[in-house]
């Protein structure tokens, strides 16, 4: 599980849908009281931005013509927790996924 925290338009279908479901998984993990310290330590999670990130991903899903029927109702009322570096995420996506790499490069033109 991870949050990429890059512009959702840059994500291929697989990574867009994947990050969306992972937002739901993170919330479920929080609600069960399971520790996510490893994700925080590895800079893969911004707990305080889960709701906003989910909403951005949902907007992109709709813009691409996908149906979005899984609202997220998550209120983070604590101090900010976790950071994700979008520049690192972009580099990682370009190395991992040829579809994301193409979207990222096409967007720079």
Protein backbone atom coordinates (compact mmCIF):
# COMPACT_ATOMS: atom_id res chain seq x y z
CA UNK A 1 0.00 0.00 0.00
CA UNK A 2 1.15 3.50 -0.70
CA UNK A 3 0.09 6.98 -1.64
CA UNK A 4 1.83 8.38 -4.71
CA UNK A 5 0.74 11.99 -4.11
CA UNK A 6 1.34 13.00 -7.74
CA UNK A 7 -1.20 14.60 -10.04
CA UNK A 8 -3.75 11.80 -10.64
CA UNK A 9 -3.76 12.65 -14.36
CA UNK A 10 -0.21 11.24 -14.51
CA UNK A 11 -1.20 7.81 -13.22
CA UNK A 12 -1.97 4.95 -15.57
CA UNK A 13 -5.25 3.13 -15.08
CA UNK A 14 -3.65 0.45 -12.89
CA UNK A 15 -1.95 2.92 -10.56
CA UNK A 16 -4.96 5.24 -10.40
CA UNK A 17 -7.30 2.41 -9.42
CA UNK A 18 -4.64 0.93 -7.14
CA UNK A 19 -4.04 4.09 -5.15
CA UNK A 20 -7.78 4.61 -4.85
CA UNK A 21 -8.36 1.19 -3.31
CA UNK A 22 -5.31 1.61 -1.10
CA UNK A 23 -6.83 4.78 0.40
CA UNK A 24 -9.77 2.61 1.47
CA UNK A 25 -7.38 -0.04 2.78
CA UNK A 26 -5.43 2.50 4.85
CA UNK A 27 -8.65 3.76 6.43
CA UNK A 28 -9.73 0.20 7.23
CA UNK A 29 -6.36 -0.47 8.80
CA UNK A 30 -6.65 2.68 10.92
CA UNK A 31 -10.13 1.72 12.06
CA UNK A 32 -8.91 -1.75 13.11
CA UNK A 33 -6.14 -0.14 15.13
CA UNK A 34 -3.36 -1.85 13.17
CA UNK A 35 -0.04 -0.01 13.14
CA UNK A 36 1.00 1.66 9.93
CA UNK A 37 4.34 2.81 11.30
CA UNK A 38 6.29 1.04 8.57
CA UNK A 39 4.40 2.97 5.88
CA UNK A 40 5.03 6.20 7.74
CA UNK A 41 8.73 5.40 8.25
CA UNK A 42 9.12 4.58 4.56
CA UNK A 43 7.34 7.78 3.49
CA UNK A 44 4.48 5.95 1.77
CA UNK A 45 1.58 7.49 3.69
CA UNK A 46 0.18 10.90 4.58
CA UNK A 47 -2.57 9.98 7.01
CA UNK A 48 -3.86 13.54 7.32
CA UNK A 49 -4.36 13.74 3.52
CA UNK A 50 -6.22 10.46 2.97
CA UNK A 51 -9.65 12.04 2.47
CA UNK A 52 -8.42 14.82 0.20
CA UNK A 53 -6.29 12.43 -1.84
CA UNK A 54 -9.17 9.98 -2.23
CA UNK A 55 -11.40 12.79 -3.44
CA UNK A 56 -8.81 13.87 -6.07
CA UNK A 57 -8.47 10.29 -7.27
CA UNK A 58 -12.27 9.95 -7.45
CA UNK A 59 -12.49 13.10 -9.59
CA UNK A 60 -9.92 11.67 -12.00
CA UNK A 61 -11.77 8.35 -12.11
CA UNK A 62 -14.93 10.19 -13.11
CA UNK A 63 -13.03 12.33 -15.66
CA UNK A 64 -11.85 9.12 -17.34
CA UNK A 65 -15.39 7.79 -17.47
CA UNK A 66 -15.14 5.28 -14.61
CA UNK A 67 -17.96 4.93 -12.15
CA UNK A 68 -17.01 5.83 -8.60
CA UNK A 69 -19.35 4.41 -5.99
CA UNK A 70 -17.12 4.16 -2.93
CA UNK A 71 -17.05 7.41 -0.99
CA UNK A 72 -14.55 7.68 1.80
CA UNK A 73 -15.69 9.13 5.10
CA UNK A 74 -12.50 9.67 7.05
CA UNK A 75 -11.79 12.54 9.39
CA UNK A 76 -8.22 12.97 10.58
CA UNK A 77 -8.47 15.14 13.67
CA UNK A 78 -4.91 14.70 14.87
CA UNK A 79 -1.69 16.46 13.96
CA UNK A 80 -0.33 15.78 10.47
CA UNK A 81 1.25 12.34 10.20
CA UNK A 82 3.53 11.16 7.42
CA UNK A 83 5.00 12.65 4.28
CA UNK A 84 5.30 11.45 0.72
CA UNK A 85 7.72 13.08 -1.71
CA UNK A 86 5.93 13.48 -5.06
CA UNK A 87 9.21 13.91 -6.97
CA UNK A 88 10.46 10.59 -5.63
CA UNK A 89 7.11 9.03 -6.50
CA UNK A 90 7.34 10.31 -10.09
CA UNK A 91 10.81 8.81 -10.48
CA UNK A 92 9.61 5.53 -8.99
CA UNK A 93 6.56 5.40 -11.27
CA UNK A 94 8.68 6.05 -14.37
CA UNK A 95 11.00 3.18 -13.43
CA UNK A 96 8.18 0.75 -12.55
CA UNK A 97 5.56 1.41 -15.18
CA UNK A 98 5.91 2.15 -18.87
CA UNK A 99 2.31 3.41 -19.01
CA UNK A 100 2.88 5.93 -16.21
CA UNK A 101 6.20 6.94 -17.78
CA UNK A 102 4.43 7.72 -21.04
CA UNK A 103 1.70 9.73 -19.28
CA UNK A 104 4.31 11.69 -17.30
CA UNK A 105 6.41 12.43 -20.38
CA UNK A 106 3.37 13.34 -22.49
CA UNK A 107 2.22 15.75 -19.80
CA UNK A 108 5.56 17.59 -19.86
CA UNK A 109 5.11 18.49 -23.55
